[in-house]
Amino acid sequence: MDNLRAAWEWGVENGHFETVGKAARAFGWYYEVTGLIHEGIEQMELLGQALRGLRQTETDRLLGICLVQQSLLYFRSGDFAQATERYGRAIACLRGR
């Protein structure tokens, strides 16, 4: 897992968003089923922060996917306010607003 975590962080920090995007759903699922909810939220936050300034069609789609995964993790942690807020932002990104 350390290698996957390092690869994720390297990809985010170096702008390899297409590759990271392919892993976002699987990573979110992994964090959910292993109970590493808060670590998953943090990893999705890293990606979200990296994408927020780019605002392009492809990055908006990826940001939407990231926010959905983060929403699910917040939901599983019991933080329904954060989950709802992230879902709203995800919908806006995925609809192109």
PDB file of N, CA and C in Angstrom:
ATOM      1  N   MET A   1       0.814  -1.191   0.000  1.00  0.00           N
ATOM      2  CA  MET A   1       0.000   0.000   0.000  1.00  0.00           C
ATOM      3  C   MET A   1       0.861   1.260   0.000  1.00  0.00           C
ATOM      4  N   ASP A   2       2.022   1.188   0.633  1.00  0.00           N
ATOM      5  CA  ASP A   2       2.903   2.352   0.646  1.00  0.00           C
ATOM      6  C   ASP A   2       3.298   2.769  -0.769  1.00  0.00           C
ATOM      7  N   ASN A   3       3.546   1.804  -1.635  1.00  0.00           N
ATOM      8  CA  ASN A   3       3.907   2.118  -3.022  1.00  0.00           C
ATOM      9  C   ASN A   3       2.741   2.762  -3.766  1.00  0.00           C
ATOM     10  N   LEU A   4       1.535   2.259  -3.547  1.00  0.00           N
ATOM     11  CA  LEU A   4       0.359   2.850  -4.202  1.00  0.00           C
ATOM     12  C   LEU A   4       0.130   4.277  -3.708  1.00  0.00           C
ATOM     13  N   ARG A   5       0.270   4.468  -2.412  1.00  0.00           N
ATOM     14  CA  ARG A   5       0.103   5.796  -1.833  1.00  0.00           C
ATOM     15  C   ARG A   5       1.144   6.763  -2.409  1.00  0.00           C
ATOM     16  N   ALA A   6       2.384   6.302  -2.489  1.00  0.00           N
ATOM     17  CA  ALA A   6       3.460   7.147  -3.032  1.00  0.00           C
ATOM     18  C   ALA A   6       3.213   7.465  -4.506  1.00  0.00           C
ATOM     19  N   ALA A   7       2.744   6.481  -5.270  1.00  0.00           N
ATOM     20  CA  ALA A   7       2.456   6.700  -6.695  1.00  0.00           C
ATOM     21  C   ALA A   7       1.320   7.708  -6.855  1.00  0.00           C
ATOM     22  N   TRP A   8       0.284   7.583  -6.025  1.00  0.00           N
ATOM     23  CA  TRP A   8      -0.844   8.522  -6.061  1.00  0.00           C
ATOM     24  C   TRP A   8      -0.357   9.949  -5.794  1.00  0.00           C
ATOM     25  N   GLU A   9       0.402  10.117  -4.711  1.00  0.00           N
ATOM     26  CA  GLU A   9       0.885  11.446  -4.346  1.00  0.00           C
ATOM     27  C   GLU A   9       1.812  12.022  -5.412  1.00  0.00           C
ATOM     28  N   TRP A  10       2.668  11.186  -5.984  1.00  0.00           N
ATOM     29  CA  TRP A  10       3.564  11.640  -7.047  1.00  0.00           C
ATOM     30  C   TRP A  10       2.747  12.081  -8.265  1.00  0.00           C
ATOM     31  N   GLY A  11       1.750  11.276  -8.641  1.00  0.00           N
ATOM     32  CA  GLY A  11       0.917  11.616  -9.791  1.00  0.00           C
ATOM     33  C   GLY A  11       0.181  12.926  -9.612  1.00  0.00           C
ATOM     34  N   VAL A  12      -0.359  13.140  -8.408  1.00  0.00           N
ATOM     35  CA  VAL A  12      -1.070  14.394  -8.117  1.00  0.00           C
ATOM     36  C   VAL A  12      -0.103  15.568  -8.157  1.00  0.00           C
ATOM     37  N   GLU A  13       1.026  15.439  -7.473  1.00  0.00           N
ATOM     38  CA  GLU A  13       1.989  16.535  -7.393  1.00  0.00           C
ATOM     39  C   GLU A  13       2.605  16.885  -8.741  1.00  0.00           C
ATOM     40  N   ASN A  14       2.695  15.919  -9.650  1.00  0.00           N
ATOM     41  CA  ASN A  14       3.340  16.151 -10.949  1.00  0.00           C
ATOM     42  C   ASN A  14       2.343  16.297 -12.092  1.00  0.00           C
ATOM     43  N   GLY A  15       1.059  16.416 -11.761  1.00  0.00           N
ATOM     44  CA  GLY A  15       0.050  16.714 -12.768  1.00  0.00           C
ATOM     45  C   GLY A  15      -0.288  15.575 -13.718  1.00  0.00           C
ATOM     46  N   HIS A  16      -0.099  14.350 -13.313  1.00  0.00           N
ATOM     47  CA  HIS A  16      -0.463  13.194 -14.145  1.00  0.00           C
ATOM     48  C   HIS A  16      -1.923  12.825 -13.858  1.00  0.00           C
ATOM     49  N   PHE A  17      -2.817  13.757 -14.191  1.00  0.00           N
ATOM     50  CA  PHE A  17      -4.205  13.635 -13.795  1.00  0.00           C
ATOM     51  C   PHE A  17      -4.958  12.543 -14.553  1.00  0.00           C
ATOM     52  N   GLU A  18      -4.571  12.272 -15.780  1.00  0.00           N
ATOM     53  CA  GLU A  18      -5.245  11.198 -16.512  1.00  0.00           C
ATOM     54  C   GLU A  18      -5.020   9.860 -15.809  1.00  0.00           C
ATOM     55  N   THR A  19      -3.799   9.602 -15.413  1.00  0.00           N
ATOM     56  CA  THR A  19      -3.471   8.350 -14.725  1.00  0.00           C
ATOM     57  C   THR A  19      -4.129   8.302 -13.351  1.00  0.00           C
ATOM     58  N   VAL A  20      -4.021   9.375 -12.610  1.00  0.00           N
ATOM     59  CA  VAL A  20      -4.632   9.435 -11.281  1.00  0.00           C
ATOM     60  C   VAL A  20      -6.147   9.276 -11.401  1.00  0.00           C
ATOM     61  N   GLY A  21      -6.720   9.877 -12.427  1.00  0.00           N
ATOM     62  CA  GLY A  21      -8.156   9.777 -12.640  1.00  0.00           C
ATOM     63  C   GLY A  21      -8.632   8.357 -12.853  1.00  0.00           C
ATOM     64  N   LYS A  22      -7.824   7.560 -13.520  1.00  0.00           N
ATOM     65  CA  LYS A  22      -8.186   6.158 -13.731  1.00  0.00           C
ATOM     66  C   LYS A  22      -8.196   5.371 -12.424  1.00  0.00           C
ATOM     67  N   ALA A  23      -7.442   5.853 -11.441  1.00  0.00           N
ATOM     68  CA  ALA A  23      -7.337   5.155 -10.162  1.00  0.00           C
ATOM     69  C   ALA A  23      -8.264   5.717  -9.091  1.00  0.00           C
ATOM     70  N   ALA A  24      -8.880   6.866  -9.328  1.00  0.00           N
ATOM     71  CA  ALA A  24      -9.634   7.555  -8.274  1.00  0.00           C
ATOM     72  C   ALA A  24     -10.767   6.712  -7.705  1.00  0.00           C
ATOM     73  N   ARG A  25     -11.569   6.109  -8.528  1.00  0.00           N
ATOM     74  CA  ARG A  25     -12.688   5.299  -8.028  1.00  0.00           C
ATOM     75  C   ARG A  25     -12.195   4.086  -7.262  1.00  0.00           C
ATOM     76  N   ALA A  26     -11.183   3.421  -7.799  1.00  0.00           N
ATOM     77  CA  ALA A  26     -10.641   2.240  -7.120  1.00  0.00           C
ATOM     78  C   ALA A  26     -10.017   2.623  -5.784  1.00  0.00           C
ATOM     79  N   PHE A  27      -9.303   3.738  -5.758  1.00  0.00           N
ATOM     80  CA  PHE A  27      -8.692   4.197  -4.517  1.00  0.00           C
ATOM     81  C   PHE A  27      -9.774   4.538  -3.486  1.00  0.00           C
ATOM     82  N   GLY A  28     -10.795   5.241  -3.909  1.00  0.00           N
ATOM     83  CA  GLY A  28     -11.898   5.582  -3.006  1.00  0.00           C
ATOM     84  C   GLY A  28     -12.562   4.333  -2.450  1.00  0.00           C
ATOM     85  N   TRP A  29     -12.794   3.353  -3.322  1.00  0.00           N
ATOM     86  CA  TRP A  29     -13.397   2.087  -2.888  1.00  0.00           C
ATOM     87  C   TRP A  29     -12.485   1.378  -1.898  1.00  0.00           C
ATOM     88  N   TYR A  30     -11.198   1.326  -2.175  1.00  0.00           N
ATOM     89  CA  TYR A  30     -10.243   0.675  -1.288  1.00  0.00           C
ATOM     90  C   TYR A  30     -10.290   1.300   0.103  1.00  0.00           C
ATOM     91  N   TYR A  31     -10.245   2.626   0.154  1.00  0.00           N
ATOM     92  CA  TYR A  31     -10.265   3.292   1.447  1.00  0.00           C
ATOM     93  C   TYR A  31     -11.578   3.032   2.188  1.00  0.00           C
ATOM     94  N   GLU A  32     -12.657   2.923   1.459  1.00  0.00           N
ATOM     95  CA  GLU A  32     -13.946   2.658   2.083  1.00  0.00           C
ATOM     96  C   GLU A  32     -13.994   1.252   2.685  1.00  0.00           C
ATOM     97  N   VAL A  33     -13.642   0.244   1.909  1.00  0.00           N
ATOM     98  CA  VAL A  33     -13.793  -1.136   2.391  1.00  0.00           C
ATOM     99  C   VAL A  33     -12.752  -1.523   3.432  1.00  0.00           C
ATOM    100  N   THR A  34     -11.612  -0.849   3.457  1.00  0.00           N
ATOM    101  CA  THR A  34     -10.603  -1.161   4.466  1.00  0.00           C
ATOM    102  C   THR A  34     -10.796  -0.358   5.744  1.00  0.00           C
ATOM    103  N   GLY A  35     -11.742   0.578   5.717  1.00  0.00           N
ATOM    104  CA  GLY A  35     -12.000   1.385   6.898  1.00  0.00           C
ATOM    105  C   GLY A  35     -11.027   2.543   7.080  1.00  0.00           C
ATOM    106  N   LEU A  36     -10.203   2.809   6.086  1.00  0.00           N
ATOM    107  CA  LEU A  36      -9.256   3.923   6.148  1.00  0.00           C
ATOM    108  C   LEU A  36      -9.919   5.193   5.614  1.00  0.00           C
ATOM    109  N   ILE A  37     -11.079   5.474   6.163  1.00  0.00           N
ATOM    110  CA  ILE A  37     -11.939   6.549   5.672  1.00  0.00           C
ATOM    111  C   ILE A  37     -11.226   7.901   5.689  1.00  0.00           C
ATOM    112  N   HIS A  38     -10.644   8.254   6.808  1.00  0.00           N
ATOM    113  CA  HIS A  38     -10.041   9.591   6.929  1.00  0.00           C
ATOM    114  C   HIS A  38      -8.808   9.742   6.033  1.00  0.00           C
ATOM    115  N   GLU A  39      -8.044   8.685   5.878  1.00  0.00           N
ATOM    116  CA  GLU A  39      -6.907   8.753   4.950  1.00  0.00           C
ATOM    117  C   GLU A  39      -7.407   8.942   3.519  1.00  0.00           C
ATOM    118  N   GLY A  40      -8.487   8.248   3.168  1.00  0.00           N
ATOM    119  CA  GLY A  40      -9.061   8.411   1.838  1.00  0.00           C
ATOM    120  C   GLY A  40      -9.545   9.826   1.589  1.00  0.00           C
ATOM    121  N   ILE A  41     -10.189  10.406   2.598  1.00  0.00           N
ATOM    122  CA  ILE A  41     -10.646  11.796   2.477  1.00  0.00           C
ATOM    123  C   ILE A  41      -9.448  12.707   2.223  1.00  0.00           C
ATOM    124  N   GLU A  42      -8.375  12.490   2.958  1.00  0.00           N
ATOM    125  CA  GLU A  42      -7.176  13.315   2.791  1.00  0.00           C
ATOM    126  C   GLU A  42      -6.558  13.147   1.404  1.00  0.00           C
ATOM    127  N   GLN A  43      -6.501  11.918   0.904  1.00  0.00           N
ATOM    128  CA  GLN A  43      -5.914  11.686  -0.416  1.00  0.00           C
ATOM    129  C   GLN A  43      -6.766  12.321  -1.513  1.00  0.00           C
ATOM    130  N   MET A  44      -8.086  12.237  -1.393  1.00  0.00           N
ATOM    131  CA  MET A  44      -8.962  12.874  -2.375  1.00  0.00           C
ATOM    132  C   MET A  44      -8.856  14.393  -2.274  1.00  0.00           C
ATOM    133  N   GLU A  45      -8.620  14.908  -1.074  1.00  0.00           N
ATOM    134  CA  GLU A  45      -8.445  16.353  -0.901  1.00  0.00           C
ATOM    135  C   GLU A  45      -7.190  16.829  -1.627  1.00  0.00           C
ATOM    136  N   LEU A  46      -6.111  16.039  -1.576  1.00  0.00           N
ATOM    137  CA  LEU A  46      -4.888  16.390  -2.319  1.00  0.00           C
ATOM    138  C   LEU A  46      -5.190  16.551  -3.804  1.00  0.00           C
ATOM    139  N   LEU A  47      -5.930  15.599  -4.348  1.00  0.00           N
ATOM    140  CA  LEU A  47      -6.285  15.661  -5.763  1.00  0.00           C
ATOM    141  C   LEU A  47      -7.192  16.845  -6.036  1.00  0.00           C
ATOM    142  N   GLY A  48      -8.187  17.036  -5.192  1.00  0.00           N
ATOM    143  CA  GLY A  48      -9.113  18.154  -5.386  1.00  0.00           C
ATOM    144  C   GLY A  48      -8.415  19.495  -5.384  1.00  0.00           C
ATOM    145  N   GLN A  49      -7.491  19.690  -4.454  1.00  0.00           N
ATOM    146  CA  GLN A  49      -6.748  20.943  -4.391  1.00  0.00           C
ATOM    147  C   GLN A  49      -5.905  21.153  -5.641  1.00  0.00           C
ATOM    148  N   ALA A  50      -5.305  20.102  -6.149  1.00  0.00           N
ATOM    149  CA  ALA A  50      -4.475  20.210  -7.349  1.00  0.00           C
ATOM    150  C   ALA A  50      -5.316  20.570  -8.571  1.00  0.00           C
ATOM    151  N   LEU A  51      -6.561  20.122  -8.606  1.00  0.00           N
ATOM    152  CA  LEU A  51      -7.417  20.332  -9.777  1.00  0.00           C
ATOM    153  C   LEU A  51      -8.176  21.654  -9.756  1.00  0.00           C
ATOM    154  N   ARG A  52      -8.411  22.203  -8.597  1.00  0.00           N
ATOM    155  CA  ARG A  52      -9.291  23.376  -8.486  1.00  0.00           C
ATOM    156  C   ARG A  52      -8.871  24.555  -9.342  1.00  0.00           C
ATOM    157  N   GLY A  53      -7.602  24.767  -9.523  1.00  0.00           N
ATOM    158  CA  GLY A  53      -7.157  25.910 -10.295  1.00  0.00           C
ATOM    159  C   GLY A  53      -7.137  25.696 -11.794  1.00  0.00           C
ATOM    160  N   LEU A  54      -7.323  24.479 -12.261  1.00  0.00           N
ATOM    161  CA  LEU A  54      -7.154  24.187 -13.683  1.00  0.00           C
ATOM    162  C   LEU A  54      -8.405  24.448 -14.513  1.00  0.00           C
ATOM    163  N   ARG A  55      -9.558  24.080 -14.032  1.00  0.00           N
ATOM    164  CA  ARG A  55     -10.860  24.345 -14.657  1.00  0.00           C
ATOM    165  C   ARG A  55     -10.910  24.106 -16.161  1.00  0.00           C
ATOM    166  N   GLN A  56     -10.676  22.898 -16.548  1.00  0.00           N
ATOM    167  CA  GLN A  56     -10.827  22.482 -17.937  1.00  0.00           C
ATOM    168  C   GLN A  56     -11.840  21.345 -17.966  1.00  0.00           C
ATOM    169  N   THR A  57     -12.354  21.031 -19.119  1.00  0.00           N
ATOM    170  CA  THR A  57     -13.380  20.006 -19.220  1.00  0.00           C
ATOM    171  C   THR A  57     -12.924  18.688 -18.606  1.00  0.00           C
ATOM    172  N   GLU A  58     -11.756  18.224 -18.941  1.00  0.00           N
ATOM    173  CA  GLU A  58     -11.277  16.946 -18.418  1.00  0.00           C
ATOM    174  C   GLU A  58     -10.993  17.027 -16.919  1.00  0.00           C
ATOM    175  N   THR A  59     -10.416  18.129 -16.471  1.00  0.00           N
ATOM    176  CA  THR A  59     -10.135  18.229 -15.045  1.00  0.00           C
ATOM    177  C   THR A  59     -11.420  18.419 -14.242  1.00  0.00           C
ATOM    178  N   ASP A  60     -12.425  19.070 -14.819  1.00  0.00           N
ATOM    179  CA  ASP A  60     -13.717  19.187 -14.137  1.00  0.00           C
ATOM    180  C   ASP A  60     -14.336  17.811 -13.936  1.00  0.00           C
ATOM    181  N   ARG A  61     -14.240  16.947 -14.940  1.00  0.00           N
ATOM    182  CA  ARG A  61     -14.772  15.586 -14.818  1.00  0.00           C
ATOM    183  C   ARG A  61     -14.038  14.841 -13.713  1.00  0.00           C
ATOM    184  N   LEU A  62     -12.729  14.940 -13.709  1.00  0.00           N
ATOM    185  CA  LEU A  62     -11.936  14.266 -12.695  1.00  0.00           C
ATOM    186  C   LEU A  62     -12.202  14.850 -11.307  1.00  0.00           C
ATOM    187  N   LEU A  63     -12.325  16.173 -11.211  1.00  0.00           N
ATOM    188  CA  LEU A  63     -12.653  16.790  -9.930  1.00  0.00           C
ATOM    189  C   LEU A  63     -14.013  16.296  -9.446  1.00  0.00           C
ATOM    190  N   GLY A  64     -14.960  16.159 -10.352  1.00  0.00           N
ATOM    191  CA  GLY A  64     -16.276  15.620  -9.988  1.00  0.00           C
ATOM    192  C   GLY A  64     -16.178  14.209  -9.443  1.00  0.00           C
ATOM    193  N   ILE A  65     -15.400  13.359 -10.096  1.00  0.00           N
ATOM    194  CA  ILE A  65     -15.200  11.982  -9.620  1.00  0.00           C
ATOM    195  C   ILE A  65     -14.535  11.988  -8.251  1.00  0.00           C
ATOM    196  N   CYS A  66     -13.542  12.818  -8.095  1.00  0.00           N
ATOM    197  CA  CYS A  66     -12.837  12.943  -6.814  1.00  0.00           C
ATOM    198  C   CYS A  66     -13.804  13.363  -5.708  1.00  0.00           C
ATOM    199  N   LEU A  67     -14.636  14.351  -5.981  1.00  0.00           N
ATOM    200  CA  LEU A  67     -15.585  14.838  -4.983  1.00  0.00           C
ATOM    201  C   LEU A  67     -16.638  13.794  -4.640  1.00  0.00           C
ATOM    202  N   VAL A  68     -17.061  13.002  -5.622  1.00  0.00           N
ATOM    203  CA  VAL A  68     -18.000  11.914  -5.344  1.00  0.00           C
ATOM    204  C   VAL A  68     -17.359  10.904  -4.393  1.00  0.00           C
ATOM    205  N   GLN A  69     -16.119  10.517  -4.682  1.00  0.00           N
ATOM    206  CA  GLN A  69     -15.433   9.564  -3.804  1.00  0.00           C
ATOM    207  C   GLN A  69     -15.257  10.130  -2.406  1.00  0.00           C
ATOM    208  N   GLN A  70     -14.892  11.396  -2.335  1.00  0.00           N
ATOM    209  CA  GLN A  70     -14.719  12.028  -1.035  1.00  0.00           C
ATOM    210  C   GLN A  70     -16.066  12.107  -0.306  1.00  0.00           C
ATOM    211  N   SER A  71     -17.136  12.379  -1.030  1.00  0.00           N
ATOM    212  CA  SER A  71     -18.471  12.424  -0.438  1.00  0.00           C
ATOM    213  C   SER A  71     -18.844  11.093   0.177  1.00  0.00           C
ATOM    214  N   LEU A  72     -18.588  10.015  -0.551  1.00  0.00           N
ATOM    215  CA  LEU A  72     -18.890   8.682  -0.030  1.00  0.00           C
ATOM    216  C   LEU A  72     -18.112   8.403   1.255  1.00  0.00           C
ATOM    217  N   LEU A  73     -16.860   8.815   1.277  1.00  0.00           N
ATOM    218  CA  LEU A  73     -16.049   8.592   2.470  1.00  0.00           C
ATOM    219  C   LEU A  73     -16.538   9.444   3.642  1.00  0.00           C
ATOM    220  N   TYR A  74     -16.896  10.687   3.378  1.00  0.00           N
ATOM    221  CA  TYR A  74     -17.470  11.515   4.437  1.00  0.00           C
ATOM    222  C   TYR A  74     -18.773  10.906   4.952  1.00  0.00           C
ATOM    223  N   PHE A  75     -19.596  10.394   4.046  1.00  0.00           N
ATOM    224  CA  PHE A  75     -20.849   9.746   4.431  1.00  0.00           C
ATOM    225  C   PHE A  75     -20.573   8.567   5.355  1.00  0.00           C
ATOM    226  N   ARG A  76     -19.608   7.723   4.965  1.00  0.00           N
ATOM    227  CA  ARG A  76     -19.255   6.558   5.784  1.00  0.00           C
ATOM    228  C   ARG A  76     -18.698   6.962   7.143  1.00  0.00           C
ATOM    229  N   SER A  77     -18.078   8.131   7.220  1.00  0.00           N
ATOM    230  CA  SER A  77     -17.524   8.581   8.500  1.00  0.00           C
ATOM    231  C   SER A  77     -18.597   9.213   9.381  1.00  0.00           C
ATOM    232  N   GLY A  78     -19.785   9.442   8.818  1.00  0.00           N
ATOM    233  CA  GLY A  78     -20.869  10.044   9.582  1.00  0.00           C
ATOM    234  C   GLY A  78     -20.933  11.556   9.475  1.00  0.00           C
ATOM    235  N   ASP A  79     -20.083  12.157   8.650  1.00  0.00           N
ATOM    236  CA  ASP A  79     -20.077  13.612   8.480  1.00  0.00           C
ATOM    237  C   ASP A  79     -20.969  13.957   7.282  1.00  0.00           C
ATOM    238  N   PHE A  80     -22.274  13.978   7.540  1.00  0.00           N
ATOM    239  CA  PHE A  80     -23.247  14.131   6.468  1.00  0.00           C
ATOM    240  C   PHE A  80     -23.238  15.534   5.862  1.00  0.00           C
ATOM    241  N   ALA A  81     -22.896  16.533   6.639  1.00  0.00           N
ATOM    242  CA  ALA A  81     -22.823  17.898   6.107  1.00  0.00           C
ATOM    243  C   ALA A  81     -21.718  18.003   5.059  1.00  0.00           C
ATOM    244  N   GLN A  82     -20.535  17.462   5.362  1.00  0.00           N
ATOM    245  CA  GLN A  82     -19.434  17.483   4.392  1.00  0.00           C
ATOM    246  C   GLN A  82     -19.792  16.641   3.167  1.00  0.00           C
ATOM    247  N   ALA A  83     -20.435  15.500   3.395  1.00  0.00           N
ATOM    248  CA  ALA A  83     -20.833  14.639   2.270  1.00  0.00           C
ATOM    249  C   ALA A  83     -21.782  15.373   1.337  1.00  0.00           C
ATOM    250  N   THR A  84     -22.773  16.037   1.901  1.00  0.00           N
ATOM    251  CA  THR A  84     -23.753  16.767   1.095  1.00  0.00           C
ATOM    252  C   THR A  84     -23.102  17.914   0.331  1.00  0.00           C
ATOM    253  N   GLU A  85     -22.217  18.634   1.009  1.00  0.00           N
ATOM    254  CA  GLU A  85     -21.528  19.749   0.355  1.00  0.00           C
ATOM    255  C   GLU A  85     -20.690  19.246  -0.820  1.00  0.00           C
ATOM    256  N   ARG A  86     -19.946  18.157  -0.622  1.00  0.00           N
ATOM    257  CA  ARG A  86     -19.100  17.603  -1.689  1.00  0.00           C
ATOM    258  C   ARG A  86     -19.954  17.065  -2.849  1.00  0.00           C
ATOM    259  N   TYR A  87     -21.083  16.424  -2.529  1.00  0.00           N
ATOM    260  CA  TYR A  87     -21.968  15.940  -3.598  1.00  0.00           C
ATOM    261  C   TYR A  87     -22.461  17.096  -4.453  1.00  0.00           C
ATOM    262  N   GLY A  88     -22.837  18.197  -3.817  1.00  0.00           N
ATOM    263  CA  GLY A  88     -23.293  19.369  -4.568  1.00  0.00           C
ATOM    264  C   GLY A  88     -22.221  19.898  -5.511  1.00  0.00           C
ATOM    265  N   ARG A  89     -20.997  19.981  -5.021  1.00  0.00           N
ATOM    266  CA  ARG A  89     -19.896  20.441  -5.868  1.00  0.00           C
ATOM    267  C   ARG A  89     -19.605  19.435  -6.977  1.00  0.00           C
ATOM    268  N   ALA A  90     -19.722  18.141  -6.667  1.00  0.00           N
ATOM    269  CA  ALA A  90     -19.485  17.113  -7.677  1.00  0.00           C
ATOM    270  C   ALA A  90     -20.480  17.222  -8.817  1.00  0.00           C
ATOM    271  N   ILE A  91     -21.745  17.413  -8.464  1.00  0.00           N
ATOM    272  CA  ILE A  91     -22.794  17.533  -9.475  1.00  0.00           C
ATOM    273  C   ILE A  91     -22.499  18.721 -10.390  1.00  0.00           C
ATOM    274  N   ALA A  92     -22.120  19.838  -9.796  1.00  0.00           N
ATOM    275  CA  ALA A  92     -21.812  21.035 -10.586  1.00  0.00           C
ATOM    276  C   ALA A  92     -20.656  20.761 -11.543  1.00  0.00           C
ATOM    277  N   CYS A  93     -19.617  20.098 -11.075  1.00  0.00           N
ATOM    278  CA  CYS A  93     -18.463  19.780 -11.940  1.00  0.00           C
ATOM    279  C   CYS A  93     -18.865  18.836 -13.062  1.00  0.00           C
ATOM    280  N   LEU A  94     -19.608  17.807 -12.729  1.00  0.00           N
ATOM    281  CA  LEU A  94     -19.944  16.788 -13.717  1.00  0.00           C
ATOM    282  C   LEU A  94     -20.978  17.283 -14.721  1.00  0.00           C
ATOM    283  N   ARG A  95     -21.758  18.267 -14.354  1.00  0.00           N
ATOM    284  CA  ARG A  95     -22.723  18.863 -15.284  1.00  0.00           C
ATOM    285  C   ARG A  95     -22.117  20.010 -16.080  1.00  0.00           C
ATOM    286  N   GLY A  96     -20.872  20.377 -15.753  1.00  0.00           N
ATOM    287  CA  GLY A  96     -20.205  21.419 -16.499  1.00  0.00           C
ATOM    288  C   GLY A  96     -20.546  22.821 -16.080  1.00  0.00           C
ATOM    289  N   ARG A  97     -20.945  23.006 -14.853  1.00  0.00           N
ATOM    290  CA  ARG A  97     -21.289  24.358 -14.361  1.00  0.00           C
ATOM    291  C   ARG A  97     -20.108  24.988 -13.723  1.00  0.00           C
TER     292      ARG A  97
END
